[in-house]
Amino acid sequence: MVRSLLATLPPEWTVFHSVVSAAKSNADHLVIGPGGIFTISTKHHGGTQVRVGKHDMSVDGEKVHYLRAAEFAAERVTELVQARMPLLAPVQPVIAFVNPEQLVIMEKPEQVKVIDAGDLRRWLVNLHPVLTAGEVQEVADLLDSPGSWRALPENENENENENEPEHAAAPGRMRVAGIRRLHWILRAALAVLGAGIAVLPLLGGTGG
């Protein structure tokens, strides 16, 4: 379902499937477009109740570690992209649930966008643009190169701390998370500012 939805994105978007698995992370799709760079992990839990908190997530009452895995996937791609394009914002991790009976966002996670898969395309295309067409192409070319993925070091400790709380993070991961939060705050501010500027001509026109 998610693969077919992503195939309908406008032509200025580029989508890769199962590429991130080469970096030993847990993402099914990699999407690059005007709205940014996204790792998307698809979860098939049809007919279940999903509850999402700031630091944890459960499916039918059972805790799952999807948030931490999604963060790791995005961080791996961020490392790769920023090695060549250091000024780009960190990659945004996304978890898309397919046909859940109920998706309850009790508190939004700080880093990960959790969404019903049916709303994914609309959310992506409505994002405020942060990448130029040239940047989208450069990132796509970089991630389309097998040599780029081979440059990533193996992470032998990826599953070492499986029993830690989902919010426990190494300093390096916390630093990336802080940069990502700042980026999304700035993106929201720009969107509000743009809306305000668009209204000004209308206000000026009413005076005549």
N, C-alpha and C. Protein backbone atom coordinates (compact mmCIF):
# COMPACT_ATOMS: atom_id res chain seq x y z
N MET A 1 0.82 -1.21 0.00
CA MET A 1 0.00 0.00 0.00
C MET A 1 0.86 1.27 0.00
N VAL A 2 1.85 1.33 0.91
CA VAL A 2 2.68 2.53 1.01
C VAL A 2 3.51 2.70 -0.26
N ARG A 3 4.01 1.61 -0.79
CA ARG A 3 4.80 1.69 -2.02
C ARG A 3 3.98 2.28 -3.16
N SER A 4 2.73 1.85 -3.29
CA SER A 4 1.88 2.35 -4.37
C SER A 4 1.50 3.81 -4.14
N LEU A 5 1.30 4.21 -2.89
CA LEU A 5 1.01 5.60 -2.59
C LEU A 5 2.19 6.50 -2.93
N LEU A 6 3.38 6.06 -2.58
CA LEU A 6 4.57 6.87 -2.86
C LEU A 6 4.80 6.99 -4.37
N ALA A 7 4.35 6.00 -5.12
CA ALA A 7 4.51 6.05 -6.58
C ALA A 7 3.68 7.16 -7.21
N THR A 8 2.71 7.68 -6.47
CA THR A 8 1.86 8.74 -7.00
C THR A 8 2.34 10.14 -6.61
N LEU A 9 3.49 10.25 -5.95
CA LEU A 9 4.02 11.55 -5.59
C LEU A 9 4.35 12.35 -6.85
N PRO A 10 4.31 13.68 -6.78
CA PRO A 10 4.66 14.50 -7.95
C PRO A 10 6.07 14.21 -8.44
N PRO A 11 6.37 14.56 -9.68
CA PRO A 11 7.67 14.19 -10.28
C PRO A 11 8.88 14.80 -9.61
N GLU A 12 8.68 15.87 -8.82
CA GLU A 12 9.84 16.47 -8.14
C GLU A 12 10.28 15.67 -6.92
N TRP A 13 9.59 14.57 -6.64
CA TRP A 13 9.96 13.69 -5.54
C TRP A 13 10.65 12.44 -6.08
N THR A 14 11.63 11.94 -5.33
CA THR A 14 12.33 10.70 -5.69
C THR A 14 12.15 9.70 -4.55
N VAL A 15 11.85 8.45 -4.91
CA VAL A 15 11.58 7.42 -3.91
C VAL A 15 12.48 6.21 -4.17
N PHE A 16 13.11 5.72 -3.11
CA PHE A 16 13.86 4.47 -3.16
C PHE A 16 13.20 3.48 -2.22
N HIS A 17 13.22 2.21 -2.60
CA HIS A 17 12.61 1.17 -1.79
C HIS A 17 13.68 0.19 -1.32
N SER A 18 13.64 -0.16 -0.03
CA SER A 18 14.54 -1.16 0.55
C SER A 18 16.01 -0.81 0.39
N VAL A 19 16.31 0.46 0.22
CA VAL A 19 17.71 0.88 0.09
C VAL A 19 18.35 1.00 1.45
N VAL A 20 17.61 1.51 2.42
CA VAL A 20 18.18 1.78 3.73
C VAL A 20 18.59 0.50 4.45
N SER A 21 18.00 -0.63 4.07
CA SER A 21 18.39 -1.89 4.70
C SER A 21 19.87 -2.19 4.48
N ALA A 22 20.45 -1.63 3.42
CA ALA A 22 21.88 -1.81 3.17
C ALA A 22 22.72 -1.15 4.25
N ALA A 23 22.13 -0.19 4.96
CA ALA A 23 22.83 0.49 6.05
C ALA A 23 22.50 -0.15 7.40
N LYS A 24 21.93 -1.35 7.35
CA LYS A 24 21.57 -2.11 8.55
C LYS A 24 20.67 -1.29 9.48
N SER A 25 19.67 -0.69 8.90
CA SER A 25 18.68 0.04 9.68
C SER A 25 17.30 -0.42 9.27
N ASN A 26 16.30 0.07 9.99
CA ASN A 26 14.96 -0.47 9.82
C ASN A 26 14.04 0.54 9.13
N ALA A 27 14.20 0.69 7.83
CA ALA A 27 13.30 1.55 7.06
C ALA A 27 13.00 0.87 5.74
N ASP A 28 11.80 1.08 5.25
CA ASP A 28 11.36 0.42 4.03
C ASP A 28 11.45 1.30 2.80
N HIS A 29 11.37 2.61 3.00
CA HIS A 29 11.39 3.55 1.88
C HIS A 29 12.22 4.77 2.25
N LEU A 30 12.82 5.33 1.25
CA LEU A 30 13.60 6.55 1.40
C LEU A 30 13.07 7.56 0.40
N VAL A 31 12.61 8.71 0.88
CA VAL A 31 11.92 9.68 0.04
C VAL A 31 12.66 11.01 0.10
N ILE A 32 12.92 11.59 -1.08
CA ILE A 32 13.58 12.90 -1.18
C ILE A 32 12.72 13.80 -2.03
N GLY A 33 12.44 15.00 -1.53
CA GLY A 33 11.63 15.94 -2.29
C GLY A 33 11.75 17.34 -1.74
N PRO A 34 10.96 18.26 -2.24
CA PRO A 34 11.02 19.64 -1.76
C PRO A 34 10.86 19.76 -0.25
N GLY A 35 10.06 18.88 0.34
CA GLY A 35 9.81 18.94 1.78
C GLY A 35 10.90 18.38 2.65
N GLY A 36 11.94 17.77 2.04
CA GLY A 36 13.04 17.23 2.83
C GLY A 36 13.39 15.80 2.46
N ILE A 37 14.09 15.14 3.36
CA ILE A 37 14.53 13.76 3.18
C ILE A 37 13.89 12.94 4.30
N PHE A 38 13.32 11.79 3.95
CA PHE A 38 12.54 11.01 4.91
C PHE A 38 12.87 9.51 4.80
N THR A 39 13.08 8.88 5.94
CA THR A 39 13.10 7.42 6.00
C THR A 39 11.72 6.99 6.50
N ILE A 40 11.10 6.06 5.79
CA ILE A 40 9.74 5.65 6.13
C ILE A 40 9.73 4.16 6.47
N SER A 41 9.33 3.87 7.69
CA SER A 41 9.18 2.48 8.15
C SER A 41 7.69 2.14 8.12
N THR A 42 7.34 1.11 7.38
CA THR A 42 5.94 0.71 7.25
C THR A 42 5.63 -0.41 8.24
N LYS A 43 4.54 -0.24 8.98
CA LYS A 43 4.13 -1.24 9.97
C LYS A 43 2.73 -1.74 9.63
N HIS A 44 2.61 -3.05 9.50
CA HIS A 44 1.33 -3.67 9.15
C HIS A 44 0.70 -4.24 10.42
N HIS A 45 -0.21 -3.51 10.99
CA HIS A 45 -0.92 -3.95 12.19
C HIS A 45 -2.41 -3.68 12.00
N GLY A 46 -2.97 -4.27 10.95
CA GLY A 46 -4.37 -4.06 10.65
C GLY A 46 -5.27 -4.51 11.79
N GLY A 47 -6.25 -3.67 12.13
CA GLY A 47 -7.22 -4.03 13.16
C GLY A 47 -6.72 -3.92 14.58
N THR A 48 -5.60 -3.27 14.79
CA THR A 48 -5.05 -3.14 16.13
C THR A 48 -5.14 -1.71 16.62
N GLN A 49 -4.96 -1.54 17.91
CA GLN A 49 -4.93 -0.21 18.50
C GLN A 49 -3.48 0.17 18.78
N VAL A 50 -3.06 1.27 18.19
CA VAL A 50 -1.69 1.76 18.35
C VAL A 50 -1.74 3.02 19.21
N ARG A 51 -0.95 3.01 20.27
CA ARG A 51 -0.85 4.18 21.14
C ARG A 51 0.57 4.72 21.09
N VAL A 52 0.68 6.03 20.90
CA VAL A 52 1.98 6.66 20.72
C VAL A 52 2.19 7.71 21.80
N GLY A 53 3.33 7.61 22.49
CA GLY A 53 3.72 8.60 23.47
C GLY A 53 4.96 9.33 23.02
N LYS A 54 5.45 10.21 23.85
CA LYS A 54 6.61 11.01 23.49
C LYS A 54 7.85 10.15 23.33
N HIS A 55 7.97 9.10 24.15
CA HIS A 55 9.16 8.26 24.13
C HIS A 55 8.88 6.79 23.90
N ASP A 56 7.62 6.40 23.76
CA ASP A 56 7.33 4.97 23.61
C ASP A 56 6.08 4.76 22.77
N MET A 57 5.85 3.49 22.46
CA MET A 57 4.73 3.13 21.58
C MET A 57 4.29 1.72 21.92
N SER A 58 2.99 1.47 21.80
CA SER A 58 2.48 0.12 22.04
C SER A 58 1.46 -0.26 20.97
N VAL A 59 1.38 -1.56 20.69
CA VAL A 59 0.41 -2.11 19.76
C VAL A 59 -0.43 -3.12 20.52
N ASP A 60 -1.73 -2.84 20.66
CA ASP A 60 -2.63 -3.67 21.47
C ASP A 60 -2.06 -3.90 22.86
N GLY A 61 -1.49 -2.86 23.43
CA GLY A 61 -0.98 -2.92 24.79
C GLY A 61 0.42 -3.46 24.94
N GLU A 62 1.00 -3.95 23.87
CA GLU A 62 2.36 -4.50 23.94
C GLU A 62 3.37 -3.47 23.44
N LYS A 63 4.36 -3.18 24.27
CA LYS A 63 5.34 -2.17 23.92
C LYS A 63 6.20 -2.63 22.75
N VAL A 64 6.44 -1.72 21.81
CA VAL A 64 7.31 -2.00 20.66
C VAL A 64 8.38 -0.92 20.58
N HIS A 65 9.50 -1.25 19.95
CA HIS A 65 10.64 -0.34 19.90
C HIS A 65 10.75 0.34 18.53
N TYR A 66 9.63 0.64 17.93
CA TYR A 66 9.64 1.22 16.59
C TYR A 66 10.25 2.63 16.56
N LEU A 67 10.03 3.41 17.60
CA LEU A 67 10.55 4.78 17.61
C LEU A 67 12.07 4.78 17.54
N ARG A 68 12.69 3.97 18.36
CA ARG A 68 14.15 3.94 18.40
C ARG A 68 14.72 3.44 17.07
N ALA A 69 14.07 2.43 16.49
CA ALA A 69 14.55 1.90 15.21
C ALA A 69 14.41 2.94 14.11
N ALA A 70 13.31 3.69 14.12
CA ALA A 70 13.11 4.72 13.10
C ALA A 70 14.12 5.84 13.24
N GLU A 71 14.42 6.23 14.48
CA GLU A 71 15.44 7.26 14.71
C GLU A 71 16.79 6.81 14.18
N PHE A 72 17.13 5.55 14.44
CA PHE A 72 18.43 5.03 14.00
C PHE A 72 18.52 5.03 12.47
N ALA A 73 17.45 4.63 11.81
CA ALA A 73 17.45 4.62 10.34
C ALA A 73 17.72 6.01 9.79
N ALA A 74 17.04 7.00 10.35
CA ALA A 74 17.23 8.38 9.88
C ALA A 74 18.64 8.88 10.17
N GLU A 75 19.17 8.53 11.32
CA GLU A 75 20.52 8.98 11.68
C GLU A 75 21.57 8.42 10.74
N ARG A 76 21.39 7.17 10.33
CA ARG A 76 22.36 6.56 9.41
C ARG A 76 22.38 7.29 8.07
N VAL A 77 21.21 7.62 7.57
CA VAL A 77 21.14 8.34 6.30
C VAL A 77 21.65 9.76 6.47
N THR A 78 21.37 10.37 7.61
CA THR A 78 21.88 11.71 7.88
C THR A 78 23.40 11.73 7.84
N GLU A 79 24.04 10.73 8.45
CA GLU A 79 25.50 10.64 8.43
C GLU A 79 26.01 10.61 6.99
N LEU A 80 25.36 9.80 6.17
CA LEU A 80 25.79 9.63 4.80
C LEU A 80 25.65 10.93 4.01
N VAL A 81 24.49 11.57 4.12
CA VAL A 81 24.21 12.76 3.32
C VAL A 81 25.05 13.95 3.80
N GLN A 82 25.15 14.13 5.10
CA GLN A 82 25.86 15.30 5.61
C GLN A 82 27.37 15.20 5.44
N ALA A 83 27.88 14.01 5.20
CA ALA A 83 29.31 13.88 4.90
C ALA A 83 29.65 14.62 3.60
N ARG A 84 28.68 14.69 2.70
CA ARG A 84 28.89 15.37 1.42
C ARG A 84 28.21 16.73 1.37
N MET A 85 27.08 16.86 2.07
CA MET A 85 26.31 18.10 2.06
C MET A 85 26.03 18.49 3.51
N PRO A 86 27.03 19.01 4.21
CA PRO A 86 26.92 19.22 5.66
C PRO A 86 25.87 20.23 6.09
N LEU A 87 25.43 21.10 5.21
CA LEU A 87 24.47 22.12 5.58
C LEU A 87 23.02 21.64 5.52
N LEU A 88 22.80 20.43 4.99
CA LEU A 88 21.43 19.93 4.92
C LEU A 88 20.91 19.56 6.30
N ALA A 89 19.62 19.75 6.49
CA ALA A 89 18.98 19.37 7.76
C ALA A 89 18.98 17.85 7.92
N PRO A 90 18.93 17.37 9.16
CA PRO A 90 18.87 15.92 9.38
C PRO A 90 17.65 15.28 8.71
N VAL A 91 17.78 14.01 8.41
CA VAL A 91 16.70 13.24 7.80
C VAL A 91 15.57 13.05 8.81
N GLN A 92 14.34 13.13 8.34
CA GLN A 92 13.15 12.97 9.19
C GLN A 92 12.68 11.52 9.19
N PRO A 93 12.66 10.86 10.36
CA PRO A 93 12.11 9.50 10.41
C PRO A 93 10.59 9.52 10.46
N VAL A 94 9.98 8.57 9.74
CA VAL A 94 8.52 8.46 9.69
C VAL A 94 8.14 7.00 9.91
N ILE A 95 7.09 6.79 10.68
CA ILE A 95 6.49 5.45 10.83
C ILE A 95 5.07 5.53 10.30
N ALA A 96 4.77 4.71 9.29
CA ALA A 96 3.44 4.70 8.67
C ALA A 96 2.73 3.38 9.01
N PHE A 97 1.61 3.47 9.70
CA PHE A 97 0.84 2.29 10.06
C PHE A 97 -0.24 2.03 9.01
N VAL A 98 -0.29 0.79 8.56
CA VAL A 98 -1.25 0.40 7.52
C VAL A 98 -2.50 -0.18 8.17
N ASN A 99 -3.63 0.50 7.95
CA ASN A 99 -4.95 0.04 8.39
C ASN A 99 -5.05 -0.30 9.87
N PRO A 100 -4.54 0.56 10.75
CA PRO A 100 -4.78 0.29 12.17
C PRO A 100 -6.24 0.55 12.51
N GLU A 101 -6.77 -0.17 13.48
CA GLU A 101 -8.14 0.11 13.91
C GLU A 101 -8.21 1.49 14.55
N GLN A 102 -7.18 1.82 15.30
CA GLN A 102 -7.12 3.12 15.96
C GLN A 102 -5.67 3.52 16.16
N LEU A 103 -5.34 4.74 15.78
CA LEU A 103 -4.00 5.29 15.98
C LEU A 103 -4.15 6.49 16.91
N VAL A 104 -3.71 6.32 18.14
CA VAL A 104 -3.90 7.34 19.18
C VAL A 104 -2.55 7.99 19.47
N ILE A 105 -2.44 9.28 19.13
CA ILE A 105 -1.22 10.03 19.44
C ILE A 105 -1.46 10.72 20.78
N MET A 106 -1.02 10.09 21.84
CA MET A 106 -1.23 10.65 23.17
C MET A 106 -0.30 11.85 23.39
N GLU A 107 0.91 11.74 22.87
CA GLU A 107 1.88 12.84 22.90
C GLU A 107 2.82 12.64 21.73
N LYS A 108 3.06 13.68 20.95
CA LYS A 108 3.87 13.55 19.75
C LYS A 108 5.33 13.26 20.10
N PRO A 109 5.94 12.25 19.47
CA PRO A 109 7.37 12.02 19.65
C PRO A 109 8.16 13.24 19.18
N GLU A 110 9.31 13.46 19.80
CA GLU A 110 10.11 14.64 19.47
C GLU A 110 10.70 14.57 18.07
N GLN A 111 11.05 13.36 17.61
CA GLN A 111 11.76 13.23 16.35
C GLN A 111 10.94 12.55 15.26
N VAL A 112 10.17 11.55 15.61
CA VAL A 112 9.54 10.67 14.63
C VAL A 112 8.12 11.13 14.32
N LYS A 113 7.81 11.20 13.03
CA LYS A 113 6.44 11.45 12.59
C LYS A 113 5.72 10.11 12.51
N VAL A 114 4.65 9.95 13.29
CA VAL A 114 3.85 8.72 13.26
C VAL A 114 2.53 9.05 12.58
N ILE A 115 2.17 8.27 11.57
CA ILE A 115 1.03 8.66 10.73
C ILE A 115 0.32 7.41 10.19
N ASP A 116 -0.97 7.55 9.96
CA ASP A 116 -1.71 6.52 9.23
C ASP A 116 -1.22 6.54 7.78
N ALA A 117 -0.93 5.38 7.23
CA ALA A 117 -0.38 5.31 5.88
C ALA A 117 -1.26 6.00 4.85
N GLY A 118 -2.55 6.00 5.08
CA GLY A 118 -3.47 6.64 4.15
C GLY A 118 -3.30 8.15 4.06
N ASP A 119 -2.69 8.74 5.09
CA ASP A 119 -2.48 10.19 5.11
C ASP A 119 -1.06 10.58 4.70
N LEU A 120 -0.22 9.61 4.40
CA LEU A 120 1.19 9.88 4.18
C LEU A 120 1.45 10.78 2.99
N ARG A 121 0.85 10.47 1.84
CA ARG A 121 1.12 11.25 0.63
C ARG A 121 0.71 12.70 0.81
N ARG A 122 -0.48 12.91 1.35
CA ARG A 122 -0.98 14.28 1.54
C ARG A 122 -0.06 15.06 2.47
N TRP A 123 0.42 14.42 3.52
CA TRP A 123 1.31 15.09 4.46
C TRP A 123 2.61 15.51 3.77
N LEU A 124 3.18 14.62 2.97
CA LEU A 124 4.45 14.92 2.31
C LEU A 124 4.32 16.10 1.35
N VAL A 125 3.32 16.08 0.49
CA VAL A 125 3.22 17.12 -0.54
C VAL A 125 2.81 18.47 0.04
N ASN A 126 2.26 18.48 1.25
CA ASN A 126 1.85 19.75 1.86
C ASN A 126 2.93 20.36 2.75
N LEU A 127 4.08 19.72 2.85
CA LEU A 127 5.16 20.25 3.67
C LEU A 127 5.74 21.52 3.05
N HIS A 128 6.20 22.42 3.90
CA HIS A 128 6.86 23.63 3.41
C HIS A 128 8.16 23.25 2.72
N PRO A 129 8.45 23.74 1.53
CA PRO A 129 9.68 23.37 0.80
C PRO A 129 10.94 23.82 1.56
N VAL A 130 11.89 22.91 1.66
CA VAL A 130 13.17 23.23 2.30
C VAL A 130 14.36 22.87 1.40
N LEU A 131 14.11 22.13 0.31
CA LEU A 131 15.16 21.75 -0.62
C LEU A 131 14.86 22.30 -2.00
N THR A 132 15.90 22.77 -2.68
CA THR A 132 15.75 23.20 -4.07
C THR A 132 15.74 21.97 -4.97
N ALA A 133 15.35 22.17 -6.22
CA ALA A 133 15.36 21.07 -7.18
C ALA A 133 16.77 20.51 -7.35
N GLY A 134 17.78 21.39 -7.33
CA GLY A 134 19.16 20.94 -7.45
C GLY A 134 19.60 20.11 -6.27
N GLU A 135 19.19 20.49 -5.06
CA GLU A 135 19.55 19.72 -3.87
C GLU A 135 18.87 18.36 -3.86
N VAL A 136 17.60 18.34 -4.28
CA VAL A 136 16.89 17.06 -4.37
C VAL A 136 17.63 16.12 -5.31
N GLN A 137 18.05 16.62 -6.45
CA GLN A 137 18.75 15.79 -7.43
C GLN A 137 20.10 15.33 -6.89
N GLU A 138 20.82 16.21 -6.21
CA GLU A 138 22.13 15.83 -5.68
C GLU A 138 22.01 14.76 -4.61
N VAL A 139 21.03 14.90 -3.74
CA VAL A 139 20.81 13.88 -2.70
C VAL A 139 20.40 12.56 -3.34
N ALA A 140 19.50 12.62 -4.32
CA ALA A 140 19.05 11.40 -5.00
C ALA A 140 20.21 10.70 -5.67
N ASP A 141 21.08 11.45 -6.34
CA ASP A 141 22.24 10.85 -6.99
C ASP A 141 23.17 10.19 -5.97
N LEU A 142 23.35 10.87 -4.84
CA LEU A 142 24.21 10.32 -3.79
C LEU A 142 23.66 9.02 -3.25
N LEU A 143 22.37 8.98 -2.96
CA LEU A 143 21.77 7.80 -2.35
C LEU A 143 21.51 6.68 -3.36
N ASP A 144 21.61 7.01 -4.63
CA ASP A 144 21.44 6.00 -5.67
C ASP A 144 22.75 5.27 -5.97
N SER A 145 23.83 5.71 -5.32
CA SER A 145 25.14 5.11 -5.56
C SER A 145 25.45 4.03 -4.53
N PRO A 146 25.66 2.78 -4.95
CA PRO A 146 26.01 1.72 -3.99
C PRO A 146 27.26 2.06 -3.19
N GLY A 147 28.19 2.78 -3.81
CA GLY A 147 29.40 3.14 -3.11
C GLY A 147 29.15 4.03 -1.90
N SER A 148 28.10 4.84 -1.96
CA SER A 148 27.77 5.69 -0.82
C SER A 148 27.37 4.85 0.39
N TRP A 149 26.58 3.81 0.17
CA TRP A 149 26.14 2.97 1.28
C TRP A 149 27.30 2.17 1.85
N ARG A 150 28.22 1.74 0.99
CA ARG A 150 29.36 0.97 1.49
C ARG A 150 30.25 1.82 2.37
N ALA A 151 30.18 3.14 2.22
CA ALA A 151 31.02 4.02 3.02
C ALA A 151 30.57 4.10 4.47
N LEU A 152 29.33 3.70 4.75
CA LEU A 152 28.85 3.74 6.13
C LEU A 152 29.51 2.65 6.94
N PRO A 153 30.01 2.97 8.15
CA PRO A 153 30.63 1.94 8.99
C PRO A 153 29.58 0.99 9.53
N GLU A 154 29.99 -0.24 9.79
CA GLU A 154 29.09 -1.20 10.43
C GLU A 154 28.85 -0.75 11.87
N ASN A 155 27.63 -0.91 12.36
CA ASN A 155 27.32 -0.57 13.74
C ASN A 155 27.09 -1.85 14.51
N GLU A 156 28.12 -2.33 15.18
CA GLU A 156 28.04 -3.61 15.86
C GLU A 156 27.20 -3.56 17.11
N ASN A 157 26.93 -2.34 17.62
CA ASN A 157 26.20 -2.22 18.86
C ASN A 157 24.73 -1.88 18.64
N GLU A 158 24.27 -2.04 17.41
CA GLU A 158 22.91 -1.62 17.06
C GLU A 158 21.87 -2.25 17.96
N ASN A 159 21.99 -3.56 18.24
CA ASN A 159 20.98 -4.26 19.02
C ASN A 159 21.46 -4.61 20.42
N GLU A 160 22.54 -3.97 20.84
CA GLU A 160 23.16 -4.34 22.09
C GLU A 160 22.30 -3.99 23.28
N ASN A 161 21.57 -2.86 23.20
CA ASN A 161 20.82 -2.37 24.34
C ASN A 161 19.32 -2.47 24.09
N GLU A 162 18.89 -3.63 23.66
CA GLU A 162 17.50 -3.83 23.28
C GLU A 162 16.54 -3.59 24.43
N ASN A 163 17.01 -3.81 25.70
CA ASN A 163 16.13 -3.68 26.85
C ASN A 163 16.15 -2.29 27.46
N GLU A 164 16.91 -1.37 26.90
CA GLU A 164 16.92 -0.02 27.42
C GLU A 164 15.61 0.68 27.07
N PRO A 165 15.21 1.69 27.86
CA PRO A 165 14.04 2.48 27.48
C PRO A 165 14.26 3.13 26.14
N GLU A 166 13.16 3.36 25.40
CA GLU A 166 13.30 3.92 24.06
C GLU A 166 13.90 5.30 24.08
N HIS A 167 13.76 6.04 25.20
CA HIS A 167 14.29 7.39 25.22
C HIS A 167 15.75 7.44 25.60
N ALA A 168 16.37 6.31 25.97
CA ALA A 168 17.79 6.30 26.30
C ALA A 168 18.57 6.42 25.01
N ALA A 169 19.44 7.42 24.91
CA ALA A 169 20.16 7.67 23.67
C ALA A 169 21.58 8.09 23.96
N ALA A 170 22.47 7.70 23.06
CA ALA A 170 23.87 8.09 23.18
C ALA A 170 24.00 9.57 22.88
N PRO A 171 25.09 10.22 23.37
CA PRO A 171 25.25 11.66 23.13
C PRO A 171 25.18 12.04 21.67
N GLY A 172 25.78 11.24 20.79
CA GLY A 172 25.76 11.55 19.37
C GLY A 172 24.36 11.56 18.81
N ARG A 173 23.54 10.60 19.23
CA ARG A 173 22.16 10.55 18.76
C ARG A 173 21.38 11.74 19.29
N MET A 174 21.65 12.14 20.56
CA MET A 174 20.96 13.28 21.15
C MET A 174 21.31 14.56 20.39
N ARG A 175 22.57 14.66 19.93
CA ARG A 175 22.99 15.85 19.20
C ARG A 175 22.24 15.94 17.88
N VAL A 176 22.16 14.82 17.17
CA VAL A 176 21.41 14.79 15.91
C VAL A 176 19.95 15.11 16.15
N ALA A 177 19.40 14.57 17.24
CA ALA A 177 18.00 14.83 17.56
C ALA A 177 17.76 16.31 17.81
N GLY A 178 18.69 16.96 18.53
CA GLY A 178 18.53 18.38 18.80
C GLY A 178 18.56 19.20 17.53
N ILE A 179 19.45 18.86 16.62
CA ILE A 179 19.51 19.57 15.34
C ILE A 179 18.22 19.36 14.56
N ARG A 180 17.70 18.12 14.58
CA ARG A 180 16.48 17.83 13.84
C ARG A 180 15.30 18.61 14.42
N ARG A 181 15.20 18.69 15.77
CA ARG A 181 14.11 19.43 16.38
C ARG A 181 14.17 20.90 16.01
N LEU A 182 15.40 21.48 16.02
CA LEU A 182 15.57 22.87 15.64
C LEU A 182 15.12 23.10 14.21
N HIS A 183 15.47 22.14 13.33
CA HIS A 183 15.08 22.28 11.92
C HIS A 183 13.57 22.33 11.76
N TRP A 184 12.85 21.43 12.46
CA TRP A 184 11.40 21.39 12.28
C TRP A 184 10.75 22.60 12.92
N ILE A 185 11.35 23.14 14.00
CA ILE A 185 10.83 24.37 14.59
C ILE A 185 10.97 25.52 13.59
N LEU A 186 12.14 25.61 12.96
CA LEU A 186 12.36 26.66 11.97
C LEU A 186 11.43 26.50 10.78
N ARG A 187 11.21 25.24 10.38
CA ARG A 187 10.29 24.99 9.25
C ARG A 187 8.89 25.49 9.57
N ALA A 188 8.44 25.23 10.80
CA ALA A 188 7.11 25.68 11.20
C ALA A 188 7.04 27.20 11.23
N ALA A 189 8.11 27.83 11.73
CA ALA A 189 8.14 29.29 11.79
C ALA A 189 8.09 29.90 10.39
N LEU A 190 8.82 29.29 9.45
CA LEU A 190 8.81 29.78 8.08
C LEU A 190 7.44 29.66 7.45
N ALA A 191 6.76 28.56 7.75
CA ALA A 191 5.42 28.36 7.19
C ALA A 191 4.47 29.43 7.70
N VAL A 192 4.55 29.76 9.00
CA VAL A 192 3.69 30.80 9.57
C VAL A 192 4.03 32.15 8.97
N LEU A 193 5.34 32.44 8.86
CA LEU A 193 5.77 33.71 8.28
C LEU A 193 5.28 33.85 6.83
N GLY A 194 5.42 32.74 6.07
CA GLY A 194 4.97 32.77 4.67
C GLY A 194 3.48 33.04 4.57
N ALA A 195 2.72 32.46 5.47
CA ALA A 195 1.28 32.69 5.45
C ALA A 195 0.96 34.14 5.75
N GLY A 196 1.72 34.74 6.70
CA GLY A 196 1.49 36.13 7.05
C GLY A 196 1.81 37.06 5.90
N ILE A 197 2.91 36.78 5.19
CA ILE A 197 3.29 37.61 4.05
C ILE A 197 2.24 37.52 2.94
N ALA A 198 1.67 36.34 2.75
CA ALA A 198 0.67 36.15 1.70
C ALA A 198 -0.59 36.95 1.99
N VAL A 199 -0.87 37.21 3.28
CA VAL A 199 -2.09 37.91 3.64
C VAL A 199 -1.96 39.41 3.46
N LEU A 200 -0.71 39.94 3.57
CA LEU A 200 -0.51 41.39 3.52
C LEU A 200 -1.09 42.06 2.27
N PRO A 201 -0.82 41.52 1.06
CA PRO A 201 -1.42 42.16 -0.13
C PRO A 201 -2.92 42.22 -0.09
N LEU A 202 -3.53 41.19 0.51
CA LEU A 202 -4.98 41.17 0.58
C LEU A 202 -5.48 42.30 1.49
N LEU A 203 -4.76 42.48 2.62
CA LEU A 203 -5.16 43.53 3.54
C LEU A 203 -5.01 44.90 2.89
N GLY A 204 -3.89 45.07 2.12
CA GLY A 204 -3.67 46.34 1.46
C GLY A 204 -4.75 46.62 0.44
N GLY A 205 -5.25 45.59 -0.22
CA GLY A 205 -6.25 45.77 -1.27
C GLY A 205 -7.59 46.23 -0.75
N THR A 206 -7.89 45.96 0.57
CA THR A 206 -9.19 46.32 1.09
C THR A 206 -9.33 47.80 1.37
N GLY A 207 -8.17 48.52 1.41
CA GLY A 207 -8.25 49.92 1.74
C GLY A 207 -8.84 50.75 0.62
N GLY A 208 -8.82 50.28 -0.64
CA GLY A 208 -9.34 51.06 -1.77
C GLY A 208 -10.82 50.92 -1.86
